[in-house]
C-alpha atoms as a PDB file:
ATOM      1  CA  MET A   1    -150.620 -60.106 -63.123  1.00  0.00           C
ATOM      2  CA  LEU A   2    -146.888 -60.245 -63.121  1.00  0.00           C
ATOM      3  CA  GLU A   3    -146.359 -61.564 -59.575  1.00  0.00           C
ATOM      4  CA  HIS A   4    -147.887 -65.036 -60.087  1.00  0.00           C
ATOM      5  CA  ASP A   5    -145.097 -67.357 -60.052  1.00  0.00           C
ATOM      6  CA  GLY A   6    -142.719 -65.540 -57.653  1.00  0.00           C
ATOM      7  CA  ARG A   7    -139.794 -65.060 -59.997  1.00  0.00           C
ATOM      8  CA  PRO A   8    -137.656 -62.035 -59.562  1.00  0.00           C
ATOM      9  CA  PHE A   9    -137.457 -59.740 -62.792  1.00  0.00           C
ATOM     10  CA  LEU A  10    -137.566 -56.355 -63.925  1.00  0.00           C
ATOM     11  CA  ILE A  11    -139.399 -55.004 -67.050  1.00  0.00           C
ATOM     12  CA  VAL A  12    -137.856 -52.295 -68.953  1.00  0.00           C
ATOM     13  CA  THR A  13    -138.872 -50.213 -72.040  1.00  0.00           C
ATOM     14  CA  GLY A  14    -137.855 -51.789 -75.402  1.00  0.00           C
ATOM     15  CA  TYR A  15    -135.859 -48.873 -76.378  1.00  0.00           C
ATOM     16  CA  HIS A  16    -132.834 -46.938 -75.119  1.00  0.00           C
ATOM     17  CA  PRO A  17    -132.329 -45.677 -72.424  1.00  0.00           C
ATOM     18  CA  TYR A  18    -134.130 -48.889 -71.199  1.00  0.00           C
ATOM     19  CA  ARG A  19    -136.332 -47.345 -68.256  1.00  0.00           C
ATOM     20  CA  ILE A  20    -137.464 -49.767 -65.652  1.00  0.00           C
ATOM     21  CA  VAL A  21    -141.218 -49.959 -65.644  1.00  0.00           C
ATOM     22  CA  HIS A  22    -141.841 -52.773 -63.259  1.00  0.00           C
ATOM     23  CA  ALA A  23    -140.011 -54.567 -60.647  1.00  0.00           C
ATOM     24  CA  THR A  24    -141.556 -57.939 -59.060  1.00  0.00           C
ATOM     25  CA  LEU A  25    -141.678 -58.112 -55.352  1.00  0.00           C
ATOM     26  CA  ALA A  26    -139.520 -61.146 -55.531  1.00  0.00           C
ATOM     27  CA  TRP A  27    -136.851 -58.916 -57.195  1.00  0.00           C
ATOM     28  CA  THR A  28    -137.243 -56.240 -54.635  1.00  0.00           C
ATOM     29  CA  ARG A  29    -136.612 -58.891 -51.925  1.00  0.00           C
ATOM     30  CA  ILE A  30    -133.419 -60.251 -53.387  1.00  0.00           C
ATOM     31  CA  THR A  31    -131.990 -56.881 -54.214  1.00  0.00           C
ATOM     32  CA  ALA A  32    -133.106 -54.849 -51.102  1.00  0.00           C
ATOM     33  CA  TYR A  33    -134.248 -52.116 -53.458  1.00  0.00           C
ATOM     34  CA  PHE A  34    -137.867 -50.702 -53.272  1.00  0.00           C
ATOM     35  CA  ALA A  35    -139.757 -50.689 -56.508  1.00  0.00           C
ATOM     36  CA  SER A  36    -140.239 -46.832 -55.841  1.00  0.00           C
ATOM     37  CA  ASP A  37    -136.368 -46.633 -55.900  1.00  0.00           C
ATOM     38  CA  VAL A  38    -135.878 -47.949 -59.437  1.00  0.00           C
ATOM     39  CA  LEU A  39    -139.223 -47.329 -61.337  1.00  0.00           C
ATOM     40  CA  GLY A  40    -138.583 -44.810 -64.036  1.00  0.00           C
ATOM     41  CA  HIS A  41    -134.789 -44.971 -63.771  1.00  0.00           C
ATOM     42  CA  GLU A  42    -132.572 -46.143 -66.386  1.00  0.00           C
ATOM     43  CA  LEU A  43    -131.372 -49.811 -66.122  1.00  0.00           C
ATOM     44  CA  SER A  44    -127.812 -48.633 -66.188  1.00  0.00           C
ATOM     45  CA  ALA A  45    -128.459 -46.908 -62.686  1.00  0.00           C
ATOM     46  CA  LEU A  46    -128.091 -50.563 -61.268  1.00  0.00           C
ATOM     47  CA  ALA A  47    -124.593 -51.056 -62.866  1.00  0.00           C
ATOM     48  CA  SER A  48    -121.532 -50.557 -60.576  1.00  0.00           C
ATOM     49  CA  PRO A  49    -117.747 -51.129 -61.023  1.00  0.00           C
ATOM     50  CA  GLN A  50    -118.175 -54.626 -59.714  1.00  0.00           C
ATOM     51  CA  THR A  51    -120.862 -55.432 -62.249  1.00  0.00           C
ATOM     52  CA  ASP A  52    -119.842 -58.235 -64.605  1.00  0.00           C
ATOM     53  CA  ARG A  53    -119.380 -56.564 -67.864  1.00  0.00           C
ATOM     54  CA  LYS A  54    -120.000 -59.966 -69.763  1.00  0.00           C
ATOM     55  CA  VAL A  55    -123.418 -60.120 -67.966  1.00  0.00           C
ATOM     56  CA  LEU A  56    -124.160 -56.511 -69.082  1.00  0.00           C
ATOM     57  CA  LYS A  57    -123.432 -57.315 -72.643  1.00  0.00           C
ATOM     58  CA  LEU A  58    -125.730 -60.283 -72.552  1.00  0.00           C
ATOM     59  CA  LEU A  59    -128.471 -58.302 -70.999  1.00  0.00           C
ATOM     60  CA  LEU A  60    -128.284 -55.489 -73.513  1.00  0.00           C
ATOM     61  CA  GLN A  61    -128.164 -57.936 -76.300  1.00  0.00           C
ATOM     62  CA  SER A  62    -131.398 -59.527 -75.103  1.00  0.00           C
ATOM     63  CA  LEU A  63    -132.980 -56.131 -74.928  1.00  0.00           C
ATOM     64  CA  LYS A  64    -131.894 -55.515 -78.508  1.00  0.00           C
ATOM     65  CA  ASP A  65    -133.309 -59.050 -79.461  1.00  0.00           C
ATOM     66  CA  ARG A  66    -136.447 -58.376 -77.388  1.00  0.00           C
ATOM     67  CA  SER A  67    -135.903 -61.721 -75.732  1.00  0.00           C
ATOM     68  CA  PRO A  68    -135.919 -62.631 -72.063  1.00  0.00           C
ATOM     69  CA  ALA A  69    -132.661 -62.904 -70.361  1.00  0.00           C
END
């Protein structure tokens, strides 16, 4: 079970285009997205012009390295 410790996180596929396959309840609470709004969508759908590009670069590198971010 992925909800056991209450941490907010997403799980995405390990390959491009990095589709969202799980969103914890904690993540939905802090982002105001419903899981049904994001599941199956590409991770890039969450980016906006205000998104910090340095953070995006870090996240993408973590995905490529298959390490948590």
